[in-house]
């Protein structure tokens, strides 16, 4: 499983977030026919930490999560639960998340879509699960 798949699983399996978004978690962009609230996630970059012999010891993955909603209140509440879902990641799938860094959270308004968005950037340090 990829780190993106683990993030999606963590978001979908977090009850407090699910009560807000109803399972609407999508990679890269939401389908046009899906109404908010919803979460979109994407991997922005990955830095590899190498061990002896050029073996990958760990990966630092920067993930951007966007919580979309019709009101800022719902976007903010959803973003808080997104953060809790990410902080709860541990041994999931084939990766073991060893560290979490919540780098930034920004509020945004998309005039074209008429939607509020909270953008959360996280860094996840992971290794292959044993």
N, C-alpha and C. Protein backbone atom coordinates (compact mmCIF):
# COMPACT_ATOMS: atom_id res chain seq x y z
N UNK A 1 0.84 -1.18 0.00
CA UNK A 1 0.00 0.00 0.00
C UNK A 1 0.88 1.25 0.00
N UNK A 2 0.46 2.28 -0.68
CA UNK A 2 1.21 3.54 -0.71
C UNK A 2 0.84 4.41 0.50
N UNK A 3 1.63 5.43 0.74
CA UNK A 3 1.32 6.34 1.83
C UNK A 3 -0.01 7.06 1.56
N UNK A 4 -0.29 7.34 0.28
CA UNK A 4 -1.57 7.96 -0.06
C UNK A 4 -2.74 7.06 0.30
N UNK A 5 -2.61 5.77 0.01
CA UNK A 5 -3.68 4.82 0.35
C UNK A 5 -3.86 4.72 1.86
N UNK A 6 -2.75 4.78 2.60
CA UNK A 6 -2.85 4.75 4.07
C UNK A 6 -3.53 6.00 4.61
N UNK A 7 -3.23 7.15 4.01
CA UNK A 7 -3.88 8.39 4.43
C UNK A 7 -5.38 8.29 4.15
N UNK A 8 -5.74 7.84 2.96
CA UNK A 8 -7.16 7.70 2.62
C UNK A 8 -7.87 6.76 3.59
N UNK A 9 -7.23 5.65 3.92
CA UNK A 9 -7.82 4.69 4.86
C UNK A 9 -8.01 5.33 6.23
N UNK A 10 -7.00 6.07 6.70
CA UNK A 10 -7.10 6.72 8.01
C UNK A 10 -8.25 7.74 8.02
N UNK A 11 -8.40 8.50 6.94
CA UNK A 11 -9.47 9.49 6.88
C UNK A 11 -10.84 8.84 6.84
N UNK A 12 -10.97 7.80 6.04
CA UNK A 12 -12.27 7.11 5.89
C UNK A 12 -12.67 6.36 7.16
N UNK A 13 -11.68 5.92 7.93
CA UNK A 13 -11.97 5.11 9.11
C UNK A 13 -12.04 5.92 10.40
N UNK A 14 -11.99 7.24 10.32
CA UNK A 14 -12.04 8.07 11.52
C UNK A 14 -13.49 8.51 11.74
N UNK A 15 -14.18 7.96 12.75
CA UNK A 15 -15.62 8.18 12.90
C UNK A 15 -16.04 9.65 13.00
N UNK A 16 -15.30 10.47 13.72
CA UNK A 16 -15.69 11.88 13.88
C UNK A 16 -15.63 12.62 12.54
N UNK A 17 -14.66 12.29 11.71
CA UNK A 17 -14.58 12.89 10.38
C UNK A 17 -15.66 12.33 9.47
N UNK A 18 -15.87 11.03 9.54
CA UNK A 18 -16.89 10.40 8.70
C UNK A 18 -18.27 10.97 8.98
N UNK A 19 -18.53 11.37 10.23
CA UNK A 19 -19.84 11.95 10.55
C UNK A 19 -20.04 13.30 9.86
N UNK A 20 -18.95 13.94 9.46
CA UNK A 20 -19.03 15.22 8.75
C UNK A 20 -19.05 15.03 7.24
N UNK A 21 -18.18 14.16 6.72
CA UNK A 21 -18.02 14.05 5.27
C UNK A 21 -18.70 12.82 4.66
N UNK A 22 -19.15 11.89 5.49
CA UNK A 22 -19.86 10.73 4.96
C UNK A 22 -19.06 9.90 3.98
N UNK A 23 -17.75 9.72 4.25
CA UNK A 23 -16.93 8.85 3.40
C UNK A 23 -16.43 9.50 2.13
N UNK A 24 -16.68 10.78 1.93
CA UNK A 24 -16.27 11.46 0.69
C UNK A 24 -14.81 11.91 0.81
N UNK A 25 -13.91 10.99 0.43
CA UNK A 25 -12.46 11.21 0.46
C UNK A 25 -11.94 10.86 -0.92
N UNK A 26 -11.21 11.80 -1.56
CA UNK A 26 -10.80 11.60 -2.95
C UNK A 26 -9.34 11.98 -3.17
N UNK A 27 -8.64 11.24 -4.04
CA UNK A 27 -7.27 11.62 -4.39
C UNK A 27 -7.27 12.72 -5.44
N UNK A 28 -6.42 13.71 -5.26
CA UNK A 28 -6.12 14.76 -6.24
C UNK A 28 -7.24 15.76 -6.52
N UNK A 29 -8.45 15.31 -6.79
CA UNK A 29 -9.58 16.22 -7.02
C UNK A 29 -10.88 15.47 -6.82
N UNK A 30 -11.88 16.20 -6.42
CA UNK A 30 -13.19 15.57 -6.20
C UNK A 30 -13.93 15.45 -7.53
N UNK A 31 -14.70 14.39 -7.70
CA UNK A 31 -15.53 14.30 -8.90
C UNK A 31 -16.50 15.48 -8.96
N UNK A 32 -16.83 15.92 -10.16
CA UNK A 32 -17.68 17.09 -10.35
C UNK A 32 -19.09 16.91 -9.79
N UNK A 33 -19.55 15.68 -9.73
CA UNK A 33 -20.93 15.42 -9.31
C UNK A 33 -21.08 15.13 -7.81
N UNK A 34 -20.03 15.36 -7.02
CA UNK A 34 -20.07 15.07 -5.58
C UNK A 34 -20.18 16.38 -4.81
N UNK A 35 -21.18 16.45 -3.95
CA UNK A 35 -21.40 17.66 -3.16
C UNK A 35 -20.55 17.64 -1.89
N UNK A 36 -20.08 18.79 -1.44
CA UNK A 36 -19.36 18.87 -0.17
C UNK A 36 -20.32 18.69 0.99
N UNK A 37 -19.80 18.43 2.17
CA UNK A 37 -18.39 18.48 2.56
C UNK A 37 -17.64 17.23 2.10
N UNK A 38 -16.34 17.43 1.83
CA UNK A 38 -15.49 16.34 1.37
C UNK A 38 -14.03 16.68 1.61
N UNK A 39 -13.18 15.67 1.50
CA UNK A 39 -11.73 15.85 1.66
C UNK A 39 -11.04 15.37 0.39
N UNK A 40 -10.08 16.17 -0.07
CA UNK A 40 -9.21 15.79 -1.19
C UNK A 40 -7.79 15.73 -0.64
N UNK A 41 -7.05 14.68 -1.00
CA UNK A 41 -5.67 14.54 -0.54
C UNK A 41 -4.76 14.33 -1.74
N UNK A 42 -3.51 14.76 -1.59
CA UNK A 42 -2.51 14.48 -2.61
C UNK A 42 -1.12 14.52 -2.01
N UNK A 43 -0.26 13.67 -2.56
CA UNK A 43 1.15 13.69 -2.14
C UNK A 43 1.83 14.77 -2.94
N UNK A 44 2.44 15.72 -2.23
CA UNK A 44 3.14 16.82 -2.88
C UNK A 44 4.57 16.42 -3.22
N UNK A 45 5.24 15.74 -2.28
CA UNK A 45 6.62 15.31 -2.52
C UNK A 45 6.99 14.22 -1.52
N UNK A 46 8.07 13.52 -1.84
CA UNK A 46 8.64 12.53 -0.93
C UNK A 46 10.15 12.68 -0.95
N UNK A 47 10.75 12.74 0.23
CA UNK A 47 12.19 12.75 0.39
C UNK A 47 12.58 11.40 0.99
N UNK A 48 13.56 10.76 0.40
CA UNK A 48 13.99 9.45 0.87
C UNK A 48 15.20 9.60 1.79
N UNK A 49 15.14 8.93 2.93
CA UNK A 49 16.27 8.88 3.84
C UNK A 49 16.99 7.56 3.57
N UNK A 50 18.23 7.65 3.17
CA UNK A 50 18.98 6.46 2.79
C UNK A 50 19.81 5.94 3.96
N UNK A 51 19.89 4.61 4.04
CA UNK A 51 20.74 3.94 5.02
C UNK A 51 21.99 3.45 4.30
N UNK A 52 22.79 2.70 5.00
CA UNK A 52 23.99 2.15 4.38
C UNK A 52 23.61 1.26 3.19
N UNK A 53 24.41 1.33 2.15
CA UNK A 53 24.15 0.51 0.98
C UNK A 53 23.03 1.06 0.11
N UNK A 54 22.74 2.34 0.27
CA UNK A 54 21.70 3.00 -0.52
C UNK A 54 20.31 2.37 -0.36
N UNK A 55 20.08 1.73 0.77
CA UNK A 55 18.76 1.19 1.08
C UNK A 55 17.91 2.31 1.65
N UNK A 56 16.66 2.39 1.21
CA UNK A 56 15.76 3.42 1.73
C UNK A 56 15.37 3.05 3.16
N UNK A 57 15.75 3.91 4.10
CA UNK A 57 15.47 3.65 5.51
C UNK A 57 14.12 4.23 5.92
N UNK A 58 13.75 5.34 5.31
CA UNK A 58 12.48 5.98 5.65
C UNK A 58 12.11 6.95 4.53
N UNK A 59 10.85 7.33 4.53
CA UNK A 59 10.35 8.31 3.57
C UNK A 59 9.67 9.44 4.32
N UNK A 60 10.00 10.67 3.94
CA UNK A 60 9.30 11.84 4.46
C UNK A 60 8.35 12.30 3.35
N UNK A 61 7.06 12.07 3.54
CA UNK A 61 6.08 12.41 2.52
C UNK A 61 5.29 13.64 2.94
N UNK A 62 5.28 14.66 2.07
CA UNK A 62 4.45 15.85 2.30
C UNK A 62 3.11 15.59 1.63
N UNK A 63 2.06 15.62 2.44
CA UNK A 63 0.70 15.37 1.97
C UNK A 63 -0.12 16.62 2.19
N UNK A 64 -0.86 17.02 1.16
CA UNK A 64 -1.77 18.15 1.31
C UNK A 64 -3.20 17.62 1.37
N UNK A 65 -3.93 18.07 2.39
CA UNK A 65 -5.31 17.65 2.58
C UNK A 65 -6.19 18.90 2.51
N UNK A 66 -7.22 18.85 1.70
CA UNK A 66 -8.13 19.98 1.55
C UNK A 66 -9.52 19.57 2.00
N UNK A 67 -10.02 20.27 3.01
CA UNK A 67 -11.36 20.05 3.52
C UNK A 67 -12.27 21.09 2.89
N UNK A 68 -13.21 20.64 2.05
CA UNK A 68 -14.13 21.52 1.32
C UNK A 68 -15.51 21.47 1.97
N UNK A 69 -16.13 22.64 2.10
CA UNK A 69 -17.48 22.70 2.69
C UNK A 69 -18.18 23.98 2.23
N UNK A 70 -19.48 24.00 2.42
CA UNK A 70 -20.26 25.17 2.04
C UNK A 70 -20.16 26.30 3.05
N UNK A 71 -19.77 25.99 4.30
CA UNK A 71 -19.58 27.04 5.30
C UNK A 71 -18.19 26.90 5.91
N UNK A 72 -17.68 28.04 6.39
CA UNK A 72 -16.37 28.00 7.03
C UNK A 72 -16.41 27.19 8.33
N UNK A 73 -17.55 27.21 9.01
CA UNK A 73 -17.67 26.47 10.27
C UNK A 73 -17.50 24.97 10.03
N UNK A 74 -18.13 24.46 8.99
CA UNK A 74 -18.01 23.02 8.67
C UNK A 74 -16.60 22.71 8.18
N UNK A 75 -16.03 23.61 7.38
CA UNK A 75 -14.66 23.40 6.90
C UNK A 75 -13.69 23.34 8.07
N UNK A 76 -13.85 24.24 9.04
CA UNK A 76 -12.97 24.27 10.21
C UNK A 76 -13.15 23.02 11.07
N UNK A 77 -14.39 22.62 11.29
CA UNK A 77 -14.65 21.42 12.10
C UNK A 77 -14.09 20.19 11.41
N UNK A 78 -14.28 20.10 10.11
CA UNK A 78 -13.74 18.96 9.36
C UNK A 78 -12.23 18.93 9.38
N UNK A 79 -11.61 20.11 9.24
CA UNK A 79 -10.15 20.19 9.25
C UNK A 79 -9.58 19.72 10.59
N UNK A 80 -10.25 20.08 11.68
CA UNK A 80 -9.80 19.62 13.00
C UNK A 80 -9.83 18.10 13.08
N UNK A 81 -10.86 17.49 12.50
CA UNK A 81 -10.96 16.03 12.53
C UNK A 81 -9.97 15.38 11.55
N UNK A 82 -9.69 16.05 10.44
CA UNK A 82 -8.65 15.55 9.51
C UNK A 82 -7.33 15.46 10.25
N UNK A 83 -7.00 16.51 10.99
CA UNK A 83 -5.73 16.52 11.75
C UNK A 83 -5.71 15.36 12.75
N UNK A 84 -6.80 15.14 13.46
CA UNK A 84 -6.85 14.06 14.44
C UNK A 84 -6.72 12.69 13.76
N UNK A 85 -7.34 12.54 12.60
CA UNK A 85 -7.23 11.27 11.86
C UNK A 85 -5.78 11.00 11.46
N UNK A 86 -5.09 12.05 10.99
CA UNK A 86 -3.69 11.88 10.58
C UNK A 86 -2.81 11.59 11.79
N UNK A 87 -3.05 12.30 12.89
CA UNK A 87 -2.25 12.05 14.10
C UNK A 87 -2.46 10.65 14.66
N UNK A 88 -3.59 10.04 14.33
CA UNK A 88 -3.87 8.68 14.80
C UNK A 88 -3.25 7.59 13.94
N UNK A 89 -2.59 7.98 12.86
CA UNK A 89 -1.99 6.97 11.99
C UNK A 89 -0.82 6.30 12.69
N UNK A 90 -0.75 5.01 12.56
CA UNK A 90 0.35 4.22 13.11
C UNK A 90 0.67 3.11 12.15
N UNK A 91 0.55 1.89 12.57
CA UNK A 91 0.79 0.77 11.68
C UNK A 91 -0.50 0.53 10.89
N UNK A 92 -0.49 0.93 9.64
CA UNK A 92 -1.63 0.76 8.74
C UNK A 92 -1.12 0.20 7.43
N UNK A 93 -1.84 -0.72 6.85
CA UNK A 93 -1.45 -1.25 5.55
C UNK A 93 -0.05 -1.83 5.59
N UNK A 94 0.79 -1.41 4.65
CA UNK A 94 2.16 -1.93 4.58
C UNK A 94 3.18 -0.91 5.05
N UNK A 95 2.74 0.20 5.65
CA UNK A 95 3.66 1.24 6.11
C UNK A 95 3.48 1.46 7.61
N UNK A 96 4.53 1.91 8.23
CA UNK A 96 4.47 2.28 9.64
C UNK A 96 4.83 3.76 9.73
N UNK A 97 3.87 4.57 10.12
CA UNK A 97 4.11 6.01 10.27
C UNK A 97 4.78 6.23 11.62
N UNK A 98 6.01 6.72 11.58
CA UNK A 98 6.80 6.90 12.80
C UNK A 98 6.69 8.31 13.36
N UNK A 99 6.35 9.28 12.53
CA UNK A 99 6.27 10.66 13.00
C UNK A 99 5.27 11.43 12.13
N UNK A 100 4.64 12.42 12.76
CA UNK A 100 3.68 13.28 12.09
C UNK A 100 4.07 14.72 12.36
N UNK A 101 4.06 15.54 11.35
CA UNK A 101 4.28 16.97 11.53
C UNK A 101 3.14 17.68 10.82
N UNK A 102 2.33 18.41 11.58
CA UNK A 102 1.30 19.25 10.98
C UNK A 102 2.00 20.55 10.64
N UNK A 103 2.31 20.75 9.37
CA UNK A 103 3.14 21.87 8.95
C UNK A 103 2.36 23.18 8.90
N UNK A 104 1.25 23.20 8.18
CA UNK A 104 0.45 24.43 8.08
C UNK A 104 -1.02 24.10 7.96
N UNK A 105 -1.85 25.08 8.32
CA UNK A 105 -3.28 25.02 8.04
C UNK A 105 -3.69 26.41 7.59
N UNK A 106 -4.32 26.48 6.43
CA UNK A 106 -4.75 27.76 5.87
C UNK A 106 -6.23 27.71 5.55
N UNK A 107 -6.88 28.87 5.66
CA UNK A 107 -8.29 28.99 5.26
C UNK A 107 -8.34 29.64 3.88
N UNK A 108 -9.30 29.21 3.07
CA UNK A 108 -9.39 29.69 1.70
C UNK A 108 -10.85 29.77 1.29
N UNK A 109 -11.16 30.62 0.34
CA UNK A 109 -12.49 30.73 -0.25
C UNK A 109 -12.32 30.61 -1.75
N UNK A 110 -13.02 29.67 -2.36
CA UNK A 110 -12.96 29.49 -3.80
C UNK A 110 -14.19 30.15 -4.42
N UNK A 111 -13.98 31.30 -5.07
CA UNK A 111 -15.11 32.05 -5.64
C UNK A 111 -15.78 31.30 -6.77
N UNK A 112 -15.02 30.56 -7.55
CA UNK A 112 -15.59 29.82 -8.68
C UNK A 112 -16.54 28.74 -8.19
N UNK A 113 -16.12 28.00 -7.17
CA UNK A 113 -16.94 26.90 -6.65
C UNK A 113 -17.91 27.36 -5.57
N UNK A 114 -17.72 28.58 -5.05
CA UNK A 114 -18.52 29.08 -3.93
C UNK A 114 -18.40 28.16 -2.71
N UNK A 115 -17.16 27.76 -2.41
CA UNK A 115 -16.91 26.84 -1.30
C UNK A 115 -15.78 27.35 -0.42
N UNK A 116 -15.87 27.00 0.84
CA UNK A 116 -14.79 27.24 1.81
C UNK A 116 -13.87 26.04 1.79
N UNK A 117 -12.58 26.30 2.03
CA UNK A 117 -11.61 25.22 2.07
C UNK A 117 -10.61 25.48 3.18
N UNK A 118 -10.26 24.43 3.89
CA UNK A 118 -9.15 24.45 4.84
C UNK A 118 -8.08 23.54 4.25
N UNK A 119 -6.88 24.08 4.07
CA UNK A 119 -5.76 23.36 3.48
C UNK A 119 -4.80 23.00 4.59
N UNK A 120 -4.52 21.71 4.74
CA UNK A 120 -3.64 21.21 5.79
C UNK A 120 -2.47 20.50 5.13
N UNK A 121 -1.25 20.96 5.41
CA UNK A 121 -0.06 20.27 4.93
C UNK A 121 0.55 19.49 6.09
N UNK A 122 0.81 18.23 5.82
CA UNK A 122 1.42 17.38 6.84
C UNK A 122 2.66 16.70 6.26
N UNK A 123 3.56 16.36 7.13
CA UNK A 123 4.71 15.54 6.75
C UNK A 123 4.62 14.25 7.56
N UNK A 124 4.64 13.14 6.86
CA UNK A 124 4.58 11.82 7.49
C UNK A 124 5.90 11.10 7.24
N UNK A 125 6.54 10.66 8.31
CA UNK A 125 7.76 9.88 8.20
C UNK A 125 7.35 8.43 8.35
N UNK A 126 7.65 7.63 7.32
CA UNK A 126 7.20 6.24 7.36
C UNK A 126 8.31 5.29 6.89
N UNK A 127 8.16 4.05 7.33
CA UNK A 127 9.03 2.96 6.89
C UNK A 127 8.13 1.78 6.55
N UNK A 128 8.66 0.84 5.80
CA UNK A 128 7.90 -0.36 5.50
C UNK A 128 7.62 -1.11 6.80
N UNK A 129 6.38 -1.55 6.98
CA UNK A 129 6.02 -2.30 8.20
C UNK A 129 6.69 -3.66 8.17
N UNK A 130 7.12 -4.09 9.33
CA UNK A 130 7.79 -5.41 9.42
C UNK A 130 6.77 -6.52 9.45
